Amino acid sequence: MPTRSPLLQFPAFLHGTLSEIQRKARSEGRRFARQYKKDGTFPAPLHLREVRPGELVLTHTLSDFLTKEQPVWRLHSFFDVLSGLGEDVEGQEWPQMAEAYEVFCRATAWGSLFHVLEPDAPRSAELMAARFGAVLRHWDSLQLPRYLHKKLGVAHTLEELLEEIYGRTLEAWCPGVRPGRGHLEAVVERMALATRDECIEAVLRLIPHILAQPSRLKHREVLGDPASQRERLTALLPGQFERFSSADAFAVYEQLASWDRELGRKQNT
């Protein structure tokens, strides 16, 4: 029996010029919100369109620098759906709706990849394990296109895209494993069941790489002390630590920056 070739489909409104997509995406978000308020469910996109093998998909706003008026796939513009979704939602209702919508989206190829790439989301180990796991379930189809992220003109495969964004994180969880699907599978397995102590160890393996990069951190020597790092991480409240317990590089940097500012204030008193 012949093997069925993978097929990748995205919501049709994600293809077009930047202005077209932004307008349609917000409208789609408002449609989703109306349905959710009515019966607690989300409708499927009105139209799906095939993403052909090798076709370019833009996954970051920087990749739009030279292509704003060119009709291409813009997965990063799915963020405008979230903007439309939350337009008429009161503060207490939004977290529940956003969480429900993410679960709905992770069942799709486009939604699973968007939520892995979403820049401002919480980065707990439990949540990122679910997000990476969703990408793995759609792996074959998501391998079909090529992705433009932050490096202008550089088209990535799916493996290259995830390595570009999460390489240090994956290495922190499973050191010494060759990058690729198997590495991600091993990380998901560890992340999903990780204790707080195991998350701390992953974060501790990541911190030296962050401190070695150029940044605005002013107290690198203090921040670089392993004993101090462990003490600070252990002292955080559960809610504070969960925001970066996945050892996401950007989220961990934000915590280091917070400690750096605290050290600066103490120095000036």
C-alpha atoms as a PDB file:
ATOM      1  CA  MET A   1       0.000   0.000   0.000  1.00  0.00           C
ATOM      2  CA  PRO A   2       1.547   3.357  -1.012  1.00  0.00           C
ATOM      3  CA  THR A   3       2.566   5.746   1.767  1.00  0.00           C
ATOM      4  CA  ARG A   4       0.465   8.883   1.928  1.00  0.00           C
ATOM      5  CA  SER A   5       2.530  12.026   1.412  1.00  0.00           C
ATOM      6  CA  PRO A   6       2.271  14.597   4.213  1.00  0.00           C
ATOM      7  CA  LEU A   7       0.012  17.578   3.582  1.00  0.00           C
ATOM      8  CA  LEU A   8       0.344  20.952   5.275  1.00  0.00           C
ATOM      9  CA  GLN A   9      -2.518  23.436   5.365  1.00  0.00           C
ATOM     10  CA  PHE A  10      -2.635  26.851   7.011  1.00  0.00           C
ATOM     11  CA  PRO A  11      -5.603  29.203   7.431  1.00  0.00           C
ATOM     12  CA  ALA A  12      -5.922  30.994   4.102  1.00  0.00           C
ATOM     13  CA  PHE A  13      -5.939  34.430   5.755  1.00  0.00           C
ATOM     14  CA  LEU A  14      -2.272  33.942   6.737  1.00  0.00           C
ATOM     15  CA  HIS A  15      -1.242  34.323   3.090  1.00  0.00           C
ATOM     16  CA  GLY A  16      -1.068  37.790   1.549  1.00  0.00           C
ATOM     17  CA  THR A  17       0.506  41.176   2.134  1.00  0.00           C
ATOM     18  CA  LEU A  18       1.170  42.235   5.705  1.00  0.00           C
ATOM     19  CA  SER A  19      -1.687  44.748   5.828  1.00  0.00           C
ATOM     20  CA  GLU A  20      -4.172  42.275   4.332  1.00  0.00           C
ATOM     21  CA  ILE A  21      -3.270  39.575   6.810  1.00  0.00           C
ATOM     22  CA  GLN A  22      -3.410  41.885   9.824  1.00  0.00           C
ATOM     23  CA  ARG A  23      -6.913  43.031   8.914  1.00  0.00           C
ATOM     24  CA  LYS A  24      -8.212  39.524   8.225  1.00  0.00           C
ATOM     25  CA  ALA A  25      -6.511  38.030  11.282  1.00  0.00           C
ATOM     26  CA  ARG A  26      -8.108  40.509  13.688  1.00  0.00           C
ATOM     27  CA  SER A  27     -11.484  39.861  12.091  1.00  0.00           C
ATOM     28  CA  GLU A  28     -10.966  36.126  12.508  1.00  0.00           C
ATOM     29  CA  GLY A  29     -10.051  36.649  16.155  1.00  0.00           C
ATOM     30  CA  ARG A  30     -13.282  38.532  16.768  1.00  0.00           C
ATOM     31  CA  ARG A  31     -15.214  35.691  15.105  1.00  0.00           C
ATOM     32  CA  PHE A  32     -13.527  33.172  17.391  1.00  0.00           C
ATOM     33  CA  ALA A  33     -14.370  35.316  20.437  1.00  0.00           C
ATOM     34  CA  ARG A  34     -18.058  35.537  19.511  1.00  0.00           C
ATOM     35  CA  GLN A  35     -18.287  31.770  19.187  1.00  0.00           C
ATOM     36  CA  TYR A  36     -16.456  31.186  22.466  1.00  0.00           C
ATOM     37  CA  LYS A  37     -18.749  33.551  24.363  1.00  0.00           C
ATOM     38  CA  LYS A  38     -21.743  31.799  22.854  1.00  0.00           C
ATOM     39  CA  ASP A  39     -20.948  28.170  23.693  1.00  0.00           C
ATOM     40  CA  GLY A  40     -17.348  27.902  24.950  1.00  0.00           C
ATOM     41  CA  THR A  41     -15.962  26.469  21.694  1.00  0.00           C
ATOM     42  CA  PHE A  42     -13.861  27.799  18.835  1.00  0.00           C
ATOM     43  CA  PRO A  43     -14.790  27.442  15.157  1.00  0.00           C
ATOM     44  CA  ALA A  44     -12.392  26.124  12.557  1.00  0.00           C
ATOM     45  CA  PRO A  45     -10.854  28.634  10.130  1.00  0.00           C
ATOM     46  CA  LEU A  46     -13.243  29.450   7.307  1.00  0.00           C
ATOM     47  CA  HIS A  47     -10.767  28.428   4.617  1.00  0.00           C
ATOM     48  CA  LEU A  48      -7.575  26.373   4.569  1.00  0.00           C
ATOM     49  CA  ARG A  49      -4.900  26.617   1.894  1.00  0.00           C
ATOM     50  CA  GLU A  50      -2.105  24.203   1.128  1.00  0.00           C
ATOM     51  CA  VAL A  51       1.455  25.213   1.921  1.00  0.00           C
ATOM     52  CA  ARG A  52       3.513  23.728  -0.886  1.00  0.00           C
ATOM     53  CA  PRO A  53       6.839  21.954  -0.281  1.00  0.00           C
ATOM     54  CA  GLY A  54       9.662  24.488  -0.217  1.00  0.00           C
ATOM     55  CA  GLU A  55       7.310  27.462   0.072  1.00  0.00           C
ATOM     56  CA  LEU A  56       8.500  30.245   2.384  1.00  0.00           C
ATOM     57  CA  VAL A  57       6.774  30.876   5.720  1.00  0.00           C
ATOM     58  CA  LEU A  58       7.682  34.023   7.676  1.00  0.00           C
ATOM     59  CA  THR A  59       7.870  33.311  11.397  1.00  0.00           C
ATOM     60  CA  HIS A  60       9.141  36.610  12.837  1.00  0.00           C
ATOM     61  CA  THR A  61       8.341  40.273  12.257  1.00  0.00           C
ATOM     62  CA  LEU A  62      11.975  40.930  11.298  1.00  0.00           C
ATOM     63  CA  SER A  63      11.544  38.650   8.301  1.00  0.00           C
ATOM     64  CA  ASP A  64       8.956  41.147   7.007  1.00  0.00           C
ATOM     65  CA  PHE A  65      11.568  43.875   6.649  1.00  0.00           C
ATOM     66  CA  LEU A  66      11.834  43.496   2.883  1.00  0.00           C
ATOM     67  CA  THR A  67       8.580  41.709   2.102  1.00  0.00           C
ATOM     68  CA  LYS A  68       5.713  43.729   3.609  1.00  0.00           C
ATOM     69  CA  GLU A  69       3.908  44.177   0.306  1.00  0.00           C
ATOM     70  CA  GLN A  70       4.684  40.737  -1.077  1.00  0.00           C
ATOM     71  CA  PRO A  71       1.982  38.063  -0.756  1.00  0.00           C
ATOM     72  CA  VAL A  72       3.604  35.307   1.302  1.00  0.00           C
ATOM     73  CA  TRP A  73       2.794  33.109   4.283  1.00  0.00           C
ATOM     74  CA  ARG A  74       3.110  35.059   7.541  1.00  0.00           C
ATOM     75  CA  LEU A  75       2.664  32.718  10.480  1.00  0.00           C
ATOM     76  CA  HIS A  76       3.872  35.387  12.910  1.00  0.00           C
ATOM     77  CA  SER A  77       0.796  37.464  12.016  1.00  0.00           C
ATOM     78  CA  PHE A  78      -1.362  34.915  13.805  1.00  0.00           C
ATOM     79  CA  PHE A  79      -0.613  37.118  16.804  1.00  0.00           C
ATOM     80  CA  ASP A  80      -3.189  39.520  15.335  1.00  0.00           C
ATOM     81  CA  VAL A  81      -5.800  36.796  15.804  1.00  0.00           C
ATOM     82  CA  LEU A  82      -5.052  36.917  19.522  1.00  0.00           C
ATOM     83  CA  SER A  83      -5.450  40.697  19.427  1.00  0.00           C
ATOM     84  CA  GLY A  84      -8.885  40.339  17.871  1.00  0.00           C
ATOM     85  CA  LEU A  85      -9.765  37.524  20.244  1.00  0.00           C
ATOM     86  CA  GLY A  86      -9.136  39.704  23.280  1.00  0.00           C
ATOM     87  CA  GLU A  87     -10.660  42.984  22.075  1.00  0.00           C
ATOM     88  CA  ASP A  88     -13.881  42.807  24.098  1.00  0.00           C
ATOM     89  CA  VAL A  89     -12.752  40.435  26.824  1.00  0.00           C
ATOM     90  CA  GLU A  90     -12.559  41.584  30.424  1.00  0.00           C
ATOM     91  CA  GLY A  91      -9.354  40.992  32.354  1.00  0.00           C
ATOM     92  CA  GLN A  92     -10.440  37.996  34.418  1.00  0.00           C
ATOM     93  CA  GLU A  93     -11.931  36.201  31.431  1.00  0.00           C
ATOM     94  CA  TRP A  94      -8.886  36.526  29.162  1.00  0.00           C
ATOM     95  CA  PRO A  95      -6.470  33.988  30.746  1.00  0.00           C
ATOM     96  CA  GLN A  96      -9.075  31.231  30.598  1.00  0.00           C
ATOM     97  CA  MET A  97     -10.001  32.046  27.005  1.00  0.00           C
ATOM     98  CA  ALA A  98      -6.374  32.309  25.895  1.00  0.00           C
ATOM     99  CA  GLU A  99      -5.510  28.970  27.479  1.00  0.00           C
ATOM    100  CA  ALA A 100      -8.510  27.277  25.877  1.00  0.00           C
ATOM    101  CA  TYR A 101      -7.632  28.771  22.509  1.00  0.00           C
ATOM    102  CA  GLU A 102      -4.047  27.557  22.710  1.00  0.00           C
ATOM    103  CA  VAL A 103      -5.212  24.011  23.451  1.00  0.00           C
ATOM    104  CA  PHE A 104      -7.533  24.270  20.441  1.00  0.00           C
ATOM    105  CA  CYS A 105      -4.706  25.550  18.226  1.00  0.00           C
ATOM    106  CA  ARG A 106      -2.158  22.950  19.306  1.00  0.00           C
ATOM    107  CA  ALA A 107      -4.277  20.295  17.625  1.00  0.00           C
ATOM    108  CA  THR A 108      -3.318  21.860  14.275  1.00  0.00           C
ATOM    109  CA  ALA A 109       0.044  22.082  12.530  1.00  0.00           C
ATOM    110  CA  TRP A 110      -0.072  25.859  12.174  1.00  0.00           C
ATOM    111  CA  GLY A 111      -1.242  26.389  15.750  1.00  0.00           C
ATOM    112  CA  SER A 112       1.368  24.088  17.250  1.00  0.00           C
ATOM    113  CA  LEU A 113       4.220  25.886  15.507  1.00  0.00           C
ATOM    114  CA  PHE A 114       2.888  29.365  16.229  1.00  0.00           C
ATOM    115  CA  HIS A 115       2.631  28.708  19.958  1.00  0.00           C
ATOM    116  CA  VAL A 116       6.152  27.295  20.099  1.00  0.00           C
ATOM    117  CA  LEU A 117       7.390  30.472  18.409  1.00  0.00           C
ATOM    118  CA  GLU A 118       5.144  32.922  20.306  1.00  0.00           C
ATOM    119  CA  PRO A 119       7.608  35.346  21.917  1.00  0.00           C
ATOM    120  CA  ASP A 120       5.802  36.680  24.983  1.00  0.00           C
ATOM    121  CA  ALA A 121       4.223  33.586  26.464  1.00  0.00           C
ATOM    122  CA  PRO A 122       5.068  32.008  29.843  1.00  0.00           C
ATOM    123  CA  ARG A 123       7.762  29.374  29.487  1.00  0.00           C
ATOM    124  CA  SER A 124       7.114  26.740  32.133  1.00  0.00           C
ATOM    125  CA  ALA A 125       8.546  23.277  31.566  1.00  0.00           C
ATOM    126  CA  GLU A 126       5.071  21.738  31.586  1.00  0.00           C
ATOM    127  CA  LEU A 127       3.726  24.173  29.000  1.00  0.00           C
ATOM    128  CA  MET A 128       6.744  23.978  26.692  1.00  0.00           C
ATOM    129  CA  ALA A 129       6.672  20.179  26.833  1.00  0.00           C
ATOM    130  CA  ALA A 130       3.077  20.340  25.595  1.00  0.00           C
ATOM    131  CA  ARG A 131       4.022  22.819  22.862  1.00  0.00           C
ATOM    132  CA  PHE A 132       7.038  20.869  21.655  1.00  0.00           C
ATOM    133  CA  GLY A 133       4.988  17.682  21.803  1.00  0.00           C
ATOM    134  CA  ALA A 134       2.358  19.246  19.554  1.00  0.00           C
ATOM    135  CA  VAL A 135       5.021  20.184  16.995  1.00  0.00           C
ATOM    136  CA  LEU A 136       6.323  16.616  17.066  1.00  0.00           C
ATOM    137  CA  ARG A 137       2.839  15.301  16.262  1.00  0.00           C
ATOM    138  CA  HIS A 138       2.821  17.458  13.116  1.00  0.00           C
ATOM    139  CA  TRP A 139       6.513  17.027  12.345  1.00  0.00           C
ATOM    140  CA  ASP A 140       6.277  15.467   8.888  1.00  0.00           C
ATOM    141  CA  SER A 141       3.965  18.125   7.475  1.00  0.00           C
ATOM    142  CA  LEU A 142       5.808  21.018   9.142  1.00  0.00           C
ATOM    143  CA  GLN A 143       9.011  19.866   7.452  1.00  0.00           C
ATOM    144  CA  LEU A 144       7.593  20.696   4.027  1.00  0.00           C
ATOM    145  CA  PRO A 145       8.088  24.499   3.856  1.00  0.00           C
ATOM    146  CA  ARG A 146      11.114  26.645   4.604  1.00  0.00           C
ATOM    147  CA  TYR A 147      11.032  29.261   7.333  1.00  0.00           C
ATOM    148  CA  LEU A 148      12.329  32.826   7.451  1.00  0.00           C
ATOM    149  CA  HIS A 149      12.972  33.969  11.010  1.00  0.00           C
ATOM    150  CA  LYS A 150      15.286  36.723  12.290  1.00  0.00           C
ATOM    151  CA  LYS A 151      18.156  36.316   9.822  1.00  0.00           C
ATOM    152  CA  LEU A 152      17.168  38.185   6.685  1.00  0.00           C
ATOM    153  CA  GLY A 153      17.263  36.000   3.618  1.00  0.00           C
ATOM    154  CA  VAL A 154      18.150  32.789   5.485  1.00  0.00           C
ATOM    155  CA  ALA A 155      15.606  30.029   4.893  1.00  0.00           C
ATOM    156  CA  HIS A 156      15.537  27.359   7.602  1.00  0.00           C
ATOM    157  CA  THR A 157      14.279  23.813   7.655  1.00  0.00           C
ATOM    158  CA  LEU A 158      12.062  22.971  10.626  1.00  0.00           C
ATOM    159  CA  GLU A 159      15.009  21.397  12.447  1.00  0.00           C
ATOM    160  CA  GLU A 160      17.191  24.430  11.743  1.00  0.00           C
ATOM    161  CA  LEU A 161      14.459  26.808  12.905  1.00  0.00           C
ATOM    162  CA  LEU A 162      14.021  25.060  16.243  1.00  0.00           C
ATOM    163  CA  GLU A 163      17.782  24.763  16.683  1.00  0.00           C
ATOM    164  CA  GLU A 164      18.182  28.481  15.944  1.00  0.00           C
ATOM    165  CA  ILE A 165      15.630  29.442  18.594  1.00  0.00           C
ATOM    166  CA  TYR A 166      15.882  26.677  21.178  1.00  0.00           C
ATOM    167  CA  GLY A 167      19.258  25.055  20.611  1.00  0.00           C
ATOM    168  CA  ARG A 168      20.682  26.138  23.974  1.00  0.00           C
ATOM    169  CA  THR A 169      17.492  25.144  25.786  1.00  0.00           C
ATOM    170  CA  LEU A 170      17.440  21.677  24.238  1.00  0.00           C
ATOM    171  CA  GLU A 171      21.125  21.230  25.031  1.00  0.00           C
ATOM    172  CA  ALA A 172      20.496  22.265  28.646  1.00  0.00           C
ATOM    173  CA  TRP A 173      17.895  19.527  29.004  1.00  0.00           C
ATOM    174  CA  CYS A 174      19.700  16.790  27.083  1.00  0.00           C
ATOM    175  CA  PRO A 175      23.411  17.618  26.808  1.00  0.00           C
ATOM    176  CA  GLY A 176      25.468  15.970  24.104  1.00  0.00           C
ATOM    177  CA  VAL A 177      22.574  14.744  21.960  1.00  0.00           C
ATOM    178  CA  ARG A 178      22.685  15.398  18.223  1.00  0.00           C
ATOM    179  CA  PRO A 179      20.170  18.095  17.176  1.00  0.00           C
ATOM    180  CA  GLY A 180      17.046  16.882  15.421  1.00  0.00           C
ATOM    181  CA  ARG A 181      13.730  15.211  16.009  1.00  0.00           C
ATOM    182  CA  GLY A 182      15.161  12.614  18.372  1.00  0.00           C
ATOM    183  CA  HIS A 183      16.705  15.331  20.524  1.00  0.00           C
ATOM    184  CA  LEU A 184      13.385  17.146  20.776  1.00  0.00           C
ATOM    185  CA  GLU A 185      11.589  13.913  21.665  1.00  0.00           C
ATOM    186  CA  ALA A 186      14.068  13.253  24.473  1.00  0.00           C
ATOM    187  CA  VAL A 187      13.656  16.804  25.784  1.00  0.00           C
ATOM    188  CA  VAL A 188       9.859  16.552  25.784  1.00  0.00           C
ATOM    189  CA  GLU A 189      10.036  13.310  27.729  1.00  0.00           C
ATOM    190  CA  ARG A 190      12.250  14.891  30.388  1.00  0.00           C
ATOM    191  CA  MET A 191      10.440  18.234  30.518  1.00  0.00           C
ATOM    192  CA  ALA A 192       6.975  16.747  30.887  1.00  0.00           C
ATOM    193  CA  LEU A 193       7.880  14.912  34.102  1.00  0.00           C
ATOM    194  CA  ALA A 194      10.558  17.239  35.461  1.00  0.00           C
ATOM    195  CA  THR A 195      10.665  18.149  39.127  1.00  0.00           C
ATOM    196  CA  ARG A 196      11.584  21.660  40.202  1.00  0.00           C
ATOM    197  CA  ASP A 197      15.094  20.471  41.069  1.00  0.00           C
ATOM    198  CA  GLU A 198      15.515  19.016  37.570  1.00  0.00           C
ATOM    199  CA  CYS A 199      14.319  22.286  36.051  1.00  0.00           C
ATOM    200  CA  ILE A 200      16.817  24.193  38.181  1.00  0.00           C
ATOM    201  CA  GLU A 201      19.637  21.978  36.904  1.00  0.00           C
ATOM    202  CA  ALA A 202      18.632  22.717  33.304  1.00  0.00           C
ATOM    203  CA  VAL A 203      18.546  26.455  34.016  1.00  0.00           C
ATOM    204  CA  LEU A 204      21.959  26.266  35.704  1.00  0.00           C
ATOM    205  CA  ARG A 205      23.414  24.578  32.613  1.00  0.00           C
ATOM    206  CA  LEU A 206      22.005  27.374  30.449  1.00  0.00           C
ATOM    207  CA  ILE A 207      23.063  30.438  32.460  1.00  0.00           C
ATOM    208  CA  PRO A 208      26.799  30.366  31.538  1.00  0.00           C
ATOM    209  CA  HIS A 209      25.895  30.495  27.838  1.00  0.00           C
ATOM    210  CA  ILE A 210      23.650  33.518  28.411  1.00  0.00           C
ATOM    211  CA  LEU A 211      26.274  35.352  30.453  1.00  0.00           C
ATOM    212  CA  ALA A 212      28.847  34.727  27.724  1.00  0.00           C
ATOM    213  CA  GLN A 213      26.749  36.658  25.193  1.00  0.00           C
ATOM    214  CA  PRO A 214      26.935  40.450  24.767  1.00  0.00           C
ATOM    215  CA  SER A 215      24.173  42.097  26.796  1.00  0.00           C
ATOM    216  CA  ARG A 216      23.398  44.975  29.141  1.00  0.00           C
ATOM    217  CA  LEU A 217      23.967  42.948  32.295  1.00  0.00           C
ATOM    218  CA  LYS A 218      26.275  44.932  34.588  1.00  0.00           C
ATOM    219  CA  HIS A 219      27.022  42.450  37.383  1.00  0.00           C
ATOM    220  CA  ARG A 220      28.175  39.392  35.473  1.00  0.00           C
ATOM    221  CA  GLU A 221      30.674  38.229  38.084  1.00  0.00           C
ATOM    222  CA  VAL A 222      28.044  38.063  40.816  1.00  0.00           C
ATOM    223  CA  LEU A 223      25.435  36.568  38.503  1.00  0.00           C
ATOM    224  CA  GLY A 224      27.990  34.042  37.266  1.00  0.00           C
ATOM    225  CA  ASP A 225      28.653  32.526  40.677  1.00  0.00           C
ATOM    226  CA  PRO A 226      27.127  28.991  40.623  1.00  0.00           C
ATOM    227  CA  ALA A 227      26.370  28.945  44.353  1.00  0.00           C
ATOM    228  CA  SER A 228      24.612  32.305  44.114  1.00  0.00           C
ATOM    229  CA  GLN A 229      22.637  31.147  41.079  1.00  0.00           C
ATOM    230  CA  ARG A 230      21.376  28.048  42.858  1.00  0.00           C
ATOM    231  CA  GLU A 231      20.492  30.023  45.973  1.00  0.00           C
ATOM    232  CA  ARG A 232      18.553  32.621  44.001  1.00  0.00           C
ATOM    233  CA  LEU A 233      16.686  30.028  41.945  1.00  0.00           C
ATOM    234  CA  THR A 234      15.760  28.014  45.020  1.00  0.00           C
ATOM    235  CA  ALA A 235      14.436  31.124  46.777  1.00  0.00           C
ATOM    236  CA  LEU A 236      11.979  32.045  44.010  1.00  0.00           C
ATOM    237  CA  LEU A 237       8.285  31.502  44.615  1.00  0.00           C
ATOM    238  CA  PRO A 238       6.697  28.767  42.459  1.00  0.00           C
ATOM    239  CA  GLY A 239       4.896  31.255  40.223  1.00  0.00           C
ATOM    240  CA  GLN A 240       8.088  33.228  39.646  1.00  0.00           C
ATOM    241  CA  PHE A 241      10.142  30.170  38.765  1.00  0.00           C
ATOM    242  CA  GLU A 242       7.499  28.612  36.524  1.00  0.00           C
ATOM    243  CA  ARG A 243       7.780  31.473  34.047  1.00  0.00           C
ATOM    244  CA  PHE A 244      11.171  30.173  32.936  1.00  0.00           C
ATOM    245  CA  SER A 245      11.362  26.633  34.329  1.00  0.00           C
ATOM    246  CA  SER A 246      11.669  25.313  30.764  1.00  0.00           C
ATOM    247  CA  ALA A 247      15.118  26.966  30.576  1.00  0.00           C
ATOM    248  CA  ASP A 248      13.983  29.131  27.691  1.00  0.00           C
ATOM    249  CA  ALA A 249      16.939  31.408  26.961  1.00  0.00           C
ATOM    250  CA  PHE A 250      14.992  34.664  26.646  1.00  0.00           C
ATOM    251  CA  ALA A 251      12.905  34.008  29.756  1.00  0.00           C
ATOM    252  CA  VAL A 252      16.002  33.106  31.781  1.00  0.00           C
ATOM    253  CA  TYR A 253      17.730  36.258  30.538  1.00  0.00           C
ATOM    254  CA  GLU A 254      14.772  38.311  31.779  1.00  0.00           C
ATOM    255  CA  GLN A 255      15.208  36.802  35.242  1.00  0.00           C
ATOM    256  CA  LEU A 256      18.944  37.496  35.171  1.00  0.00           C
ATOM    257  CA  ALA A 257      18.181  41.081  34.168  1.00  0.00           C
ATOM    258  CA  SER A 258      15.811  41.387  37.128  1.00  0.00           C
ATOM    259  CA  TRP A 259      18.524  40.182  39.500  1.00  0.00           C
ATOM    260  CA  ASP A 260      20.994  42.515  37.808  1.00  0.00           C
ATOM    261  CA  ARG A 261      18.737  45.517  38.472  1.00  0.00           C
ATOM    262  CA  GLU A 262      18.305  44.394  42.074  1.00  0.00           C
ATOM    263  CA  LEU A 263      22.081  44.247  42.513  1.00  0.00           C
ATOM    264  CA  GLY A 264      22.353  47.731  41.050  1.00  0.00           C
ATOM    265  CA  ARG A 265      19.818  49.123  43.507  1.00  0.00           C
ATOM    266  CA  LYS A 266      21.642  47.557  46.451  1.00  0.00           C
ATOM    267  CA  GLN A 267      24.908  48.980  45.178  1.00  0.00           C
ATOM    268  CA  ASN A 268      23.429  52.480  45.072  1.00  0.00           C
ATOM    269  CA  THR A 269      21.952  52.446  48.586  1.00  0.00           C
END
